[in-house]
Amino acid sequence: MTKYDGNLNALFLALSDPTRRGMIQQLTAGPASVSELAKPTNMALPTVLKHLEKLEDGGLILTEKRGRTRVCRANPKGIKVASDWLDRMRADWTARLDRLEDYLDTLPEDTETNE
């Protein structure tokens, strides 16, 4: 059974929303203020702040206060955590499929057809 990982859950929860994925995409071009991130969404600022909170909880962005402005930037370590987990899952499933193929190769072939 897979060990419960709250951080991984928060990361995939953050990635599950298209608005948040768009914000991450926007931040790959460089840091942006909350108002810059809110502009393409046409959402109220409190709603955008909730989305940013989910991204920060998931470890996908970092925020800092610069004067009166909150600036966000992408956190590559967050995406690496997701990528590493997916790589482990891919390796596990590939190994399982290889074992299944090996087992199927040991079965005798049925040369008779039932008609």
C-alpha atoms as a PDB file:
ATOM      1  CA  MET A   1       0.000   0.000   0.000  1.00  0.00           C
ATOM      2  CA  THR A   2       1.269   3.459  -0.862  1.00  0.00           C
ATOM      3  CA  LYS A   3       2.295   5.608   2.063  1.00  0.00           C
ATOM      4  CA  TYR A   4       0.067   8.654   2.511  1.00  0.00           C
ATOM      5  CA  ASP A   5       1.870  11.772   1.375  1.00  0.00           C
ATOM      6  CA  GLY A   6      -0.038  14.959   2.101  1.00  0.00           C
ATOM      7  CA  ASN A   7       2.437  17.067   0.137  1.00  0.00           C
ATOM      8  CA  LEU A   8       1.978  14.938  -2.962  1.00  0.00           C
ATOM      9  CA  ASN A   9      -1.789  15.163  -2.560  1.00  0.00           C
ATOM     10  CA  ALA A  10      -1.596  18.953  -2.270  1.00  0.00           C
ATOM     11  CA  LEU A  11       0.636  19.086  -5.342  1.00  0.00           C
ATOM     12  CA  PHE A  12      -1.740  17.060  -7.527  1.00  0.00           C
ATOM     13  CA  LEU A  13      -4.736  18.965  -6.145  1.00  0.00           C
ATOM     14  CA  ALA A  14      -3.036  22.177  -7.235  1.00  0.00           C
ATOM     15  CA  LEU A  15      -2.348  20.732 -10.690  1.00  0.00           C
ATOM     16  CA  SER A  16      -5.937  19.511 -11.083  1.00  0.00           C
ATOM     17  CA  ASP A  17      -7.324  22.941 -11.926  1.00  0.00           C
ATOM     18  CA  PRO A  18      -6.848  24.492 -15.400  1.00  0.00           C
ATOM     19  CA  THR A  19      -6.709  28.021 -13.984  1.00  0.00           C
ATOM     20  CA  ARG A  20      -3.853  27.068 -11.687  1.00  0.00           C
ATOM     21  CA  ARG A  21      -2.030  25.255 -14.491  1.00  0.00           C
ATOM     22  CA  GLY A  22      -2.364  28.442 -16.546  1.00  0.00           C
ATOM     23  CA  MET A  23      -0.864  30.468 -13.719  1.00  0.00           C
ATOM     24  CA  ILE A  24       2.079  28.070 -13.496  1.00  0.00           C
ATOM     25  CA  GLN A  25       2.528  28.356 -17.255  1.00  0.00           C
ATOM     26  CA  GLN A  26       2.502  32.139 -16.959  1.00  0.00           C
ATOM     27  CA  LEU A  27       5.098  31.980 -14.179  1.00  0.00           C
ATOM     28  CA  THR A  28       7.481  29.913 -16.308  1.00  0.00           C
ATOM     29  CA  ALA A  29       8.137  33.140 -18.206  1.00  0.00           C
ATOM     30  CA  GLY A  30       9.244  34.800 -14.969  1.00  0.00           C
ATOM     31  CA  PRO A  31       7.935  36.211 -11.699  1.00  0.00           C
ATOM     32  CA  ALA A  32       4.598  38.025 -11.739  1.00  0.00           C
ATOM     33  CA  SER A  33       2.505  39.992  -9.305  1.00  0.00           C
ATOM     34  CA  VAL A  34      -0.856  38.720  -8.122  1.00  0.00           C
ATOM     35  CA  SER A  35      -2.619  41.339 -10.235  1.00  0.00           C
ATOM     36  CA  GLU A  36      -0.661  40.246 -13.333  1.00  0.00           C
ATOM     37  CA  LEU A  37      -1.686  36.645 -12.692  1.00  0.00           C
ATOM     38  CA  ALA A  38      -5.305  37.690 -12.118  1.00  0.00           C
ATOM     39  CA  LYS A  39      -5.614  39.686 -15.342  1.00  0.00           C
ATOM     40  CA  PRO A  40      -6.075  36.807 -17.856  1.00  0.00           C
ATOM     41  CA  THR A  41      -8.491  34.956 -15.557  1.00  0.00           C
ATOM     42  CA  ASN A  42     -11.139  37.680 -15.222  1.00  0.00           C
ATOM     43  CA  MET A  43     -11.608  36.453 -11.640  1.00  0.00           C
ATOM     44  CA  ALA A  44     -12.013  38.519  -8.506  1.00  0.00           C
ATOM     45  CA  LEU A  45      -8.794  39.017  -6.579  1.00  0.00           C
ATOM     46  CA  PRO A  46      -9.928  36.912  -3.564  1.00  0.00           C
ATOM     47  CA  THR A  47     -10.591  33.972  -5.912  1.00  0.00           C
ATOM     48  CA  VAL A  48      -7.160  34.351  -7.505  1.00  0.00           C
ATOM     49  CA  LEU A  49      -5.582  34.458  -4.048  1.00  0.00           C
ATOM     50  CA  LYS A  50      -7.267  31.139  -3.185  1.00  0.00           C
ATOM     51  CA  HIS A  51      -5.842  29.593  -6.355  1.00  0.00           C
ATOM     52  CA  LEU A  52      -2.384  30.921  -5.501  1.00  0.00           C
ATOM     53  CA  GLU A  53      -2.694  29.523  -1.988  1.00  0.00           C
ATOM     54  CA  LYS A  54      -3.363  26.050  -3.453  1.00  0.00           C
ATOM     55  CA  LEU A  55      -0.315  26.408  -5.734  1.00  0.00           C
ATOM     56  CA  GLU A  56       1.837  27.475  -2.806  1.00  0.00           C
ATOM     57  CA  ASP A  57       0.494  24.653  -0.589  1.00  0.00           C
ATOM     58  CA  GLY A  58       1.393  22.222  -3.373  1.00  0.00           C
ATOM     59  CA  GLY A  59       4.945  23.573  -3.506  1.00  0.00           C
ATOM     60  CA  LEU A  60       4.546  24.735  -7.107  1.00  0.00           C
ATOM     61  CA  ILE A  61       5.072  28.442  -6.497  1.00  0.00           C
ATOM     62  CA  LEU A  62       6.853  30.687  -4.036  1.00  0.00           C
ATOM     63  CA  THR A  63       5.539  34.097  -3.049  1.00  0.00           C
ATOM     64  CA  GLU A  64       7.148  37.082  -1.424  1.00  0.00           C
ATOM     65  CA  LYS A  65       6.023  40.519  -0.400  1.00  0.00           C
ATOM     66  CA  ARG A  66       7.811  43.405  -2.143  1.00  0.00           C
ATOM     67  CA  GLY A  67       6.521  46.595  -0.639  1.00  0.00           C
ATOM     68  CA  ARG A  68       2.752  46.544  -1.192  1.00  0.00           C
ATOM     69  CA  THR A  69       2.972  43.965  -3.973  1.00  0.00           C
ATOM     70  CA  ARG A  70       2.938  40.179  -3.621  1.00  0.00           C
ATOM     71  CA  VAL A  71       5.179  38.600  -6.265  1.00  0.00           C
ATOM     72  CA  CYS A  72       4.927  34.948  -7.263  1.00  0.00           C
ATOM     73  CA  ARG A  73       7.456  32.764  -9.010  1.00  0.00           C
ATOM     74  CA  ALA A  74       7.466  29.166 -10.175  1.00  0.00           C
ATOM     75  CA  ASN A  75       9.152  26.612  -7.938  1.00  0.00           C
ATOM     76  CA  PRO A  76      10.812  24.000 -10.185  1.00  0.00           C
ATOM     77  CA  LYS A  77      11.295  21.694  -7.182  1.00  0.00           C
ATOM     78  CA  GLY A  78       7.513  21.244  -7.007  1.00  0.00           C
ATOM     79  CA  ILE A  79       7.257  20.003 -10.575  1.00  0.00           C
ATOM     80  CA  LYS A  80      10.262  17.740  -9.953  1.00  0.00           C
ATOM     81  CA  VAL A  81       8.419  16.075  -7.064  1.00  0.00           C
ATOM     82  CA  ALA A  82       5.500  15.290  -9.410  1.00  0.00           C
ATOM     83  CA  SER A  83       7.828  14.145 -12.167  1.00  0.00           C
ATOM     84  CA  ASP A  84       9.794  11.881  -9.810  1.00  0.00           C
ATOM     85  CA  TRP A  85       6.589  10.285  -8.497  1.00  0.00           C
ATOM     86  CA  LEU A  86       5.296   9.697 -12.028  1.00  0.00           C
ATOM     87  CA  ASP A  87       8.653   8.196 -13.040  1.00  0.00           C
ATOM     88  CA  ARG A  88       8.475   5.763 -10.101  1.00  0.00           C
ATOM     89  CA  MET A  89       4.919   4.780 -11.033  1.00  0.00           C
ATOM     90  CA  ARG A  90       5.924   4.299 -14.682  1.00  0.00           C
ATOM     91  CA  ALA A  91       8.875   2.098 -13.676  1.00  0.00           C
ATOM     92  CA  ASP A  92       6.645   0.034 -11.371  1.00  0.00           C
ATOM     93  CA  TRP A  93       4.013  -0.538 -14.040  1.00  0.00           C
ATOM     94  CA  THR A  94       6.623  -1.309 -16.684  1.00  0.00           C
ATOM     95  CA  ALA A  95       8.120  -3.947 -14.382  1.00  0.00           C
ATOM     96  CA  ARG A  96       4.661  -5.419 -13.744  1.00  0.00           C
ATOM     97  CA  LEU A  97       3.908  -5.611 -17.446  1.00  0.00           C
ATOM     98  CA  ASP A  98       7.305  -7.201 -18.107  1.00  0.00           C
ATOM     99  CA  ARG A  99       6.582  -9.865 -15.464  1.00  0.00           C
ATOM    100  CA  LEU A 100       3.156 -10.502 -17.015  1.00  0.00           C
ATOM    101  CA  GLU A 101       4.736 -10.865 -20.450  1.00  0.00           C
ATOM    102  CA  ASP A 102       7.328 -13.292 -19.040  1.00  0.00           C
ATOM    103  CA  TYR A 103       4.557 -15.336 -17.432  1.00  0.00           C
ATOM    104  CA  LEU A 104       2.486 -15.404 -20.604  1.00  0.00           C
ATOM    105  CA  ASP A 105       5.535 -16.624 -22.511  1.00  0.00           C
ATOM    106  CA  THR A 106       5.695 -19.671 -20.219  1.00  0.00           C
ATOM    107  CA  LEU A 107       2.137 -20.748 -20.993  1.00  0.00           C
ATOM    108  CA  PRO A 108       1.710 -23.412 -23.648  1.00  0.00           C
ATOM    109  CA  GLU A 109       0.214 -22.150 -26.871  1.00  0.00           C
ATOM    110  CA  ASP A 110      -3.216 -23.500 -27.669  1.00  0.00           C
ATOM    111  CA  THR A 111      -2.876 -24.810 -31.203  1.00  0.00           C
ATOM    112  CA  GLU A 112      -6.413 -26.155 -31.401  1.00  0.00           C
ATOM    113  CA  THR A 113      -9.236 -23.828 -32.240  1.00  0.00           C
ATOM    114  CA  ASN A 114     -12.669 -24.428 -30.889  1.00  0.00           C
ATOM    115  CA  GLU A 115     -15.162 -23.991 -33.691  1.00  0.00           C
END
